[in-house]
Amino acid sequence: LSINTVSNSRVLVAYDFEIKHSNTNNQRCIAQVIGSNVSLVGGNVEESESDNGFQRFTGTVLDIGSHTGTRTYRIQFRATANSAQIRNASLTVIEMTV
C-alpha cells in the first residue's frame, strides 16, 4: 500500500491478519508490518505464531517519518518451514498533516 505524503505528515497504520503454522515441531511463522520511507514508532511490528490453529492479530502503529513523497507499507510473511499460512490480511492507512 503506497501513499504520497509531505514532510509534516503522520500516518496511522491499521493492520489485521490471521496466521498459523501447521508443523508442530517447534516451527513458527512470522508476519511483520514494515515499510519504505517510514519511521514506525517502536520499529517494525512483528507477530509470530507456532500453533497449528489460525491466530488473529490486529493493531495500529504510527509512522512519524518526515519523508516527502511516496511511503509504502506492507505485511511481510515468512515461516521457518513450508507449512505456514496467512489469510484475511488487510492494511489501512490514514494520513494526517500536522
C-alpha atoms as a PDB file:
ATOM      1  CA  LEU A   1       0.000   0.000   0.000  1.00  0.00           C
ATOM      2  CA  SER A   2       1.611   3.285  -1.101  1.00  0.00           C
ATOM      3  CA  ILE A   3       0.609   6.862  -0.367  1.00  0.00           C
ATOM      4  CA  ASN A   4       2.083  10.273  -1.147  1.00  0.00           C
ATOM      5  CA  THR A   5       2.974  12.434   1.843  1.00  0.00           C
ATOM      6  CA  VAL A   6       4.671  15.686   2.763  1.00  0.00           C
ATOM      7  CA  SER A   7       7.356  16.128   5.420  1.00  0.00           C
ATOM      8  CA  ASN A   8       4.920  17.052   8.189  1.00  0.00           C
ATOM      9  CA  SER A   9       2.570  14.118   7.540  1.00  0.00           C
ATOM     10  CA  ARG A  10       1.963  11.486  10.164  1.00  0.00           C
ATOM     11  CA  VAL A  11       0.369   8.210   9.144  1.00  0.00           C
ATOM     12  CA  LEU A  12      -1.684   5.859  11.283  1.00  0.00           C
ATOM     13  CA  VAL A  13      -1.327   2.293  10.011  1.00  0.00           C
ATOM     14  CA  ALA A  14      -4.008  -0.255  10.953  1.00  0.00           C
ATOM     15  CA  TYR A  15      -3.272  -3.925  10.271  1.00  0.00           C
ATOM     16  CA  ASP A  16      -5.215  -7.153  10.568  1.00  0.00           C
ATOM     17  CA  PHE A  17      -4.310 -10.716   9.593  1.00  0.00           C
ATOM     18  CA  GLU A  18      -4.537 -14.344  10.644  1.00  0.00           C
ATOM     19  CA  ILE A  19      -1.537 -16.685  10.625  1.00  0.00           C
ATOM     20  CA  LYS A  20      -0.938 -20.306  11.560  1.00  0.00           C
ATOM     21  CA  HIS A  21       1.802 -22.872  11.416  1.00  0.00           C
ATOM     22  CA  SER A  22       0.778 -26.438  10.591  1.00  0.00           C
ATOM     23  CA  ASN A  23       4.033 -28.062  11.712  1.00  0.00           C
ATOM     24  CA  THR A  24       4.198 -28.933  15.428  1.00  0.00           C
ATOM     25  CA  ASN A  25       7.993 -29.475  15.557  1.00  0.00           C
ATOM     26  CA  ASN A  26       8.951 -26.159  17.190  1.00  0.00           C
ATOM     27  CA  GLN A  27       8.367 -24.248  13.957  1.00  0.00           C
ATOM     28  CA  ARG A  28       6.871 -20.774  13.727  1.00  0.00           C
ATOM     29  CA  CYS A  29       5.673 -18.250  11.228  1.00  0.00           C
ATOM     30  CA  ILE A  30       6.169 -14.508  11.428  1.00  0.00           C
ATOM     31  CA  ALA A  31       4.243 -11.602   9.951  1.00  0.00           C
ATOM     32  CA  GLN A  32       5.692  -8.099  10.057  1.00  0.00           C
ATOM     33  CA  VAL A  33       4.213  -4.706   9.284  1.00  0.00           C
ATOM     34  CA  ILE A  34       7.061  -2.841   7.598  1.00  0.00           C
ATOM     35  CA  GLY A  35       7.561  -0.067   5.109  1.00  0.00           C
ATOM     36  CA  SER A  36       9.781   2.025   2.885  1.00  0.00           C
ATOM     37  CA  ASN A  37      10.485   5.689   3.682  1.00  0.00           C
ATOM     38  CA  VAL A  38       8.775   5.248   7.065  1.00  0.00           C
ATOM     39  CA  SER A  39       9.650   5.604  10.739  1.00  0.00           C
ATOM     40  CA  LEU A  40       7.244   3.437  12.725  1.00  0.00           C
ATOM     41  CA  VAL A  41       7.039   4.227  16.450  1.00  0.00           C
ATOM     42  CA  GLY A  42       8.699   1.282  18.199  1.00  0.00           C
ATOM     43  CA  GLY A  43      10.077  -0.088  14.919  1.00  0.00           C
ATOM     44  CA  ASN A  44       8.573  -2.714  12.648  1.00  0.00           C
ATOM     45  CA  VAL A  45       5.628  -4.612  14.109  1.00  0.00           C
ATOM     46  CA  GLU A  46       6.315  -8.355  14.385  1.00  0.00           C
ATOM     47  CA  GLU A  47       3.774 -11.018  15.297  1.00  0.00           C
ATOM     48  CA  SER A  48       4.530 -14.744  15.416  1.00  0.00           C
ATOM     49  CA  GLU A  49       2.603 -17.975  15.806  1.00  0.00           C
ATOM     50  CA  SER A  50       3.749 -21.541  16.398  1.00  0.00           C
ATOM     51  CA  ASP A  51       0.355 -23.169  16.869  1.00  0.00           C
ATOM     52  CA  ASN A  52      -1.492 -25.142  14.194  1.00  0.00           C
ATOM     53  CA  GLY A  53      -4.668 -23.051  14.506  1.00  0.00           C
ATOM     54  CA  PHE A  54      -5.194 -19.618  12.993  1.00  0.00           C
ATOM     55  CA  GLN A  55      -4.495 -16.711  15.346  1.00  0.00           C
ATOM     56  CA  ARG A  56      -5.785 -13.212  14.537  1.00  0.00           C
ATOM     57  CA  PHE A  57      -3.527 -10.195  15.039  1.00  0.00           C
ATOM     58  CA  THR A  58      -4.945  -6.674  14.900  1.00  0.00           C
ATOM     59  CA  GLY A  59      -3.325  -3.388  15.788  1.00  0.00           C
ATOM     60  CA  THR A  60      -2.202   0.086  14.882  1.00  0.00           C
ATOM     61  CA  VAL A  61       1.182   1.762  14.638  1.00  0.00           C
ATOM     62  CA  LEU A  62       2.050   5.393  13.998  1.00  0.00           C
ATOM     63  CA  ASP A  63       4.506   6.453  11.300  1.00  0.00           C
ATOM     64  CA  ILE A  64       6.250   9.664  12.406  1.00  0.00           C
ATOM     65  CA  GLY A  65       8.632   9.828   9.461  1.00  0.00           C
ATOM     66  CA  SER A  66       9.334  13.109   7.695  1.00  0.00           C
ATOM     67  CA  HIS A  67       9.573  11.760   4.152  1.00  0.00           C
ATOM     68  CA  THR A  68       8.122  13.865   1.347  1.00  0.00           C
ATOM     69  CA  GLY A  69       6.980  11.614  -1.466  1.00  0.00           C
ATOM     70  CA  THR A  70       5.817   8.012  -1.547  1.00  0.00           C
ATOM     71  CA  ARG A  71       5.665   5.924   1.615  1.00  0.00           C
ATOM     72  CA  THR A  72       4.965   2.219   1.193  1.00  0.00           C
ATOM     73  CA  TYR A  73       3.515  -0.136   3.826  1.00  0.00           C
ATOM     74  CA  ARG A  74       3.280  -3.917   3.624  1.00  0.00           C
ATOM     75  CA  ILE A  75       2.729  -7.105   5.556  1.00  0.00           C
ATOM     76  CA  GLN A  76       5.723  -9.383   5.112  1.00  0.00           C
ATOM     77  CA  PHE A  77       5.124 -13.064   5.898  1.00  0.00           C
ATOM     78  CA  ARG A  78       7.688 -15.809   6.403  1.00  0.00           C
ATOM     79  CA  ALA A  79       7.938 -19.202   8.048  1.00  0.00           C
ATOM     80  CA  THR A  80      10.660 -21.498   9.319  1.00  0.00           C
ATOM     81  CA  ALA A  81       9.125 -24.313   7.255  1.00  0.00           C
ATOM     82  CA  ASN A  82       6.737 -24.580   4.304  1.00  0.00           C
ATOM     83  CA  SER A  83       3.592 -25.396   6.253  1.00  0.00           C
ATOM     84  CA  ALA A  84       2.539 -21.895   7.357  1.00  0.00           C
ATOM     85  CA  GLN A  85      -0.375 -19.809   6.117  1.00  0.00           C
ATOM     86  CA  ILE A  86      -1.633 -16.237   6.233  1.00  0.00           C
ATOM     87  CA  ARG A  87      -5.194 -15.183   5.431  1.00  0.00           C
ATOM     88  CA  ASN A  88      -7.643 -12.285   5.754  1.00  0.00           C
ATOM     89  CA  ALA A  89      -4.834  -9.723   5.671  1.00  0.00           C
ATOM     90  CA  SER A  90      -5.596  -6.017   5.407  1.00  0.00           C
ATOM     91  CA  LEU A  91      -3.794  -2.693   5.773  1.00  0.00           C
ATOM     92  CA  THR A  92      -5.441   0.682   6.182  1.00  0.00           C
ATOM     93  CA  VAL A  93      -3.568   3.975   6.401  1.00  0.00           C
ATOM     94  CA  ILE A  94      -4.784   7.395   7.489  1.00  0.00           C
ATOM     95  CA  GLU A  95      -2.555  10.327   6.618  1.00  0.00           C
ATOM     96  CA  MET A  96      -2.670  13.364   8.907  1.00  0.00           C
ATOM     97  CA  THR A  97      -0.849  16.638   8.308  1.00  0.00           C
ATOM     98  CA  VAL A  98       0.356  18.323  11.488  1.00  0.00           C
END
